[in-house]
Amino acid sequence: MGELSLVIVLSYIVGSIPTSIIISKLTHGIDVRNHGSGNAGGTNVFRVLGWKYGVAVILFDIFKGYVATMLVTKLMLGPIPFDNVTPFEDLTVVRIIAGCAAILGHIWTIFASFRGGKGIATAGGVLLALATIEILVTLGVFIIVFAIWRYVSLGSVIAALSFPVTMAFRHNVFHAYLEGYNTLIFFSIGISLLLIYTHRTNIKRLIEGTENRLSSSSLLKRKKN
């Protein structure tokens, strides 16, 4: 139990690294949560500081999820301390647990009063490690939706929904072999629901027609004006 507890704690800490807050303070001396949408995520950094910083935050947040899922779990040397009733190997079960801890750490970061981002990028890193093809399809869905409507939140919500749908289609329609599908599909649905929950205020604004499209404006440009 000790090793699994260590994996969970370390994964949570890795996920909790407040990338957007660190970059905004180091580069511009501000807390990004006090600007733009008030969210500590890559999209708000993109909106407030510009695309270069936004991309950097998103990539690092993806990296956090991937590291927690693939590397932190290497600390788990012994068997998991409970009966594994899933079709997965024990290591894959630990990776799923670690990935969930990292996502929760990103959303409720211990380093910033439990006010983190919405978990899309970190969840992407976790799912990249667990279901590479499905997450690549999901990324394509996000890009298409964003390119058409320019709403990051809309793209994120539809992408979150498309992940379990893609997995179900690959398994049931295209008959692709997915190890542990009957377990992984419920995990993917749970992650999708969590991400939709973190976007609940965005969904409300989308329905009301008050959600902001992502523009090229930044804090630096506003200062110059």
Foldseek 3Di string as FASTA:
>chain_A
DVLLVQLLVVLLQLLQPLLQQVVCCVPPNDGLLVDDPSASALLSCCQAVNDVSSVVRLVSLLVSLQCSLPPSLVSVDDADPDDDPFLDDRSNVSSLSSSVSSQCCQPQPPVPNGGHHLRQSSNLSSCCNQPVVLSVVLVVQLVVVCVVPQANLVSSLVSLVSSLVVLCCCCPPVVDDHRRSVPVSVSSVVVSVSSVVSCVVVVVCVVVVNHDGRDRHYNVVVVVD
